Protein backbone atom coordinates (compact mmCIF):
# COMPACT_ATOMS: atom_id res chain seq x y z
CA UNK A 1 -42.90 54.12 -46.35
CA UNK A 2 -41.94 55.85 -49.60
CA UNK A 3 -38.33 55.88 -48.48
CA UNK A 4 -38.37 52.10 -47.93
CA UNK A 5 -39.88 51.49 -51.40
CA UNK A 6 -37.30 53.79 -52.95
CA UNK A 7 -34.48 52.04 -51.09
CA UNK A 8 -35.80 48.60 -52.09
CA UNK A 9 -35.96 49.62 -55.76
CA UNK A 10 -32.39 50.95 -55.61
CA UNK A 11 -31.14 47.72 -54.00
CA UNK A 12 -32.88 45.58 -56.63
CA UNK A 13 -31.51 47.71 -59.47
CA UNK A 14 -27.99 47.53 -58.05
CA UNK A 15 -28.33 43.75 -57.76
CA UNK A 16 -29.45 43.40 -61.38
CA UNK A 17 -26.68 45.71 -62.60
CA UNK A 18 -24.10 43.84 -60.50
CA UNK A 19 -25.21 40.49 -61.89
CA UNK A 20 -25.04 41.84 -65.45
CA UNK A 21 -21.57 43.26 -64.95
CA UNK A 22 -20.37 39.98 -63.40
CA UNK A 23 -21.92 37.81 -66.12
CA UNK A 24 -20.77 39.89 -69.08
CA UNK A 25 -17.46 40.74 -67.43
CA UNK A 26 -16.53 37.07 -67.15
CA UNK A 27 -17.66 36.44 -70.73
CA UNK A 28 -15.64 39.42 -71.98
CA UNK A 29 -12.56 38.39 -69.98
CA UNK A 30 -12.73 34.77 -71.14
CA UNK A 31 -13.12 35.81 -74.78
CA UNK A 32 -10.12 38.16 -74.49
CA UNK A 33 -7.96 35.50 -72.82
CA UNK A 34 -8.77 32.90 -75.48
CA UNK A 35 -8.16 35.36 -78.30
CA UNK A 36 -4.83 36.57 -76.89
CA UNK A 37 -3.44 33.14 -76.11
CA UNK A 38 -4.50 31.63 -79.43
CA UNK A 39 -3.02 34.49 -81.41
CA UNK A 40 0.18 34.51 -79.37
CA UNK A 41 0.76 30.76 -79.74
CA UNK A 42 0.04 30.72 -83.46
CA UNK A 43 2.16 33.78 -84.29
CA UNK A 44 5.15 32.73 -82.22
CA UNK A 45 5.23 29.19 -83.57
CA UNK A 46 4.96 27.76 -80.08
CA UNK A 47 2.04 25.56 -81.14
CA UNK A 48 4.44 23.19 -82.95
CA UNK A 49 6.78 23.25 -79.97
CA UNK A 50 3.90 22.27 -77.68
CA UNK A 51 2.93 19.40 -80.01
CA UNK A 52 6.52 18.12 -80.02
CA UNK A 53 6.72 18.36 -76.22
CA UNK A 54 3.52 16.37 -75.81
CA UNK A 55 4.58 13.71 -78.30
CA UNK A 56 8.00 13.27 -76.68
CA UNK A 57 6.67 13.01 -73.11
CA UNK A 58 4.94 9.67 -72.40
CA UNK A 59 2.94 11.04 -69.47
CA UNK A 60 1.58 14.00 -71.44
CA UNK A 61 0.95 11.77 -74.44
CA UNK A 62 -1.16 9.36 -72.36
CA UNK A 63 -2.94 12.35 -70.84
CA UNK A 64 -3.90 13.51 -74.34
CA UNK A 65 -4.82 9.99 -75.50
CA UNK A 66 -7.76 10.12 -73.07
CA UNK A 67 -9.13 13.00 -75.11
CA UNK A 68 -9.36 10.86 -78.26
CA UNK A 69 -11.72 8.37 -76.63
CA UNK A 70 -13.87 10.81 -74.63
CA UNK A 71 -17.58 11.10 -75.46
CA UNK A 72 -18.09 14.76 -76.34
CA UNK A 73 -21.84 14.62 -75.74
CA UNK A 74 -21.33 14.03 -72.01
CA UNK A 75 -18.86 16.85 -71.43
CA UNK A 76 -19.84 19.95 -69.42
CA UNK A 77 -18.37 22.25 -72.10
CA UNK A 78 -17.05 21.86 -75.63
CA UNK A 79 -15.62 25.22 -76.70
CA UNK A 80 -12.54 27.23 -75.73
CA UNK A 81 -14.73 30.07 -74.58
CA UNK A 82 -16.81 27.89 -72.26
CA UNK A 83 -13.65 26.26 -70.90
CA UNK A 84 -12.07 29.63 -70.20
CA UNK A 85 -15.22 30.81 -68.44
CA UNK A 86 -15.21 27.73 -66.19
CA UNK A 87 -11.49 28.12 -65.45
CA UNK A 88 -11.92 31.78 -64.56
CA UNK A 89 -14.87 30.99 -62.30
CA UNK A 90 -13.32 27.98 -60.54
CA UNK A 91 -9.63 28.91 -60.48
CA UNK A 92 -9.55 32.68 -61.01
CA UNK A 93 -7.58 34.89 -63.35
CA UNK A 94 -4.92 35.79 -60.80
CA UNK A 95 -4.35 32.14 -59.85
CA UNK A 96 -4.12 31.12 -63.51
CA UNK A 97 -1.59 33.89 -64.07
CA UNK A 98 0.41 32.76 -61.01
CA UNK A 99 0.49 29.21 -62.39
CA UNK A 100 1.64 30.52 -65.78
CA UNK A 101 4.44 32.54 -64.18
CA UNK A 102 5.56 29.60 -62.01
CA UNK A 103 5.66 27.27 -65.02
CA UNK A 104 7.66 29.79 -67.06
CA UNK A 105 10.11 30.25 -64.18
CA UNK A 106 10.45 26.51 -63.77
CA UNK A 107 9.28 26.58 -60.15
CA UNK A 108 6.20 24.47 -60.95
CA UNK A 109 6.23 21.14 -62.79
CA UNK A 110 3.60 19.80 -65.15
CA UNK A 111 2.60 17.26 -62.49
CA UNK A 112 1.96 20.05 -60.01
CA UNK A 113 -0.15 21.94 -62.56
CA UNK A 114 -2.22 18.85 -63.33
CA UNK A 115 -2.60 18.08 -59.62
CA UNK A 116 -3.72 21.64 -58.86
CA UNK A 117 -6.24 21.65 -61.70
CA UNK A 118 -7.58 18.23 -60.69
CA UNK A 119 -8.12 19.61 -57.19
CA UNK A 120 -10.23 22.51 -58.46
CA UNK A 121 -12.07 20.89 -61.37
CA UNK A 122 -14.28 17.81 -61.62
CA UNK A 123 -13.23 14.75 -63.61
CA UNK A 124 -15.71 15.68 -66.35
CA UNK A 125 -14.29 19.19 -66.58
CA UNK A 126 -10.74 17.84 -66.79
CA UNK A 127 -11.80 15.49 -69.58
CA UNK A 128 -13.50 18.36 -71.40
CA UNK A 129 -10.28 20.41 -71.13
CA UNK A 130 -8.27 17.52 -72.54
CA UNK A 131 -10.66 17.21 -75.49
CA UNK A 132 -10.48 20.94 -76.22
CA UNK A 133 -6.67 21.00 -76.01
CA UNK A 134 -6.48 17.93 -78.25
CA UNK A 135 -8.80 19.50 -80.84
CA UNK A 136 -6.84 22.76 -80.80
CA UNK A 137 -3.47 21.09 -81.18
CA UNK A 138 -4.46 18.62 -83.88
CA UNK A 139 -6.96 20.58 -85.98
């Protein structure tokens, strides 16, 4: 009987520790990703290049126009950190990295990226992402 109690306590402790590691691990990873990408884009001057690309592409421009009219109070998340956490949970870090590599290699188009994200995220989450991207680009 003592052995069963001891085993049960160990299992519960491992569960609590596992949950904590998962919860804080995702938070830590999402914070790191946001920090690295923001710094990289700002230092390399790619932020202006991205703005020009969006403004010259009618499809991307209309995609971003939706962000202007979205009601922020009804969005599932409103910060970069929350958005990153949702993306990591729903898409995964390795899949996001694969998408990034494919886009850089030119083997994946912007339509394919949007289609893949729309398949994994809800409409509200997509709208929230648009709003966050819009705010980041035009702040």
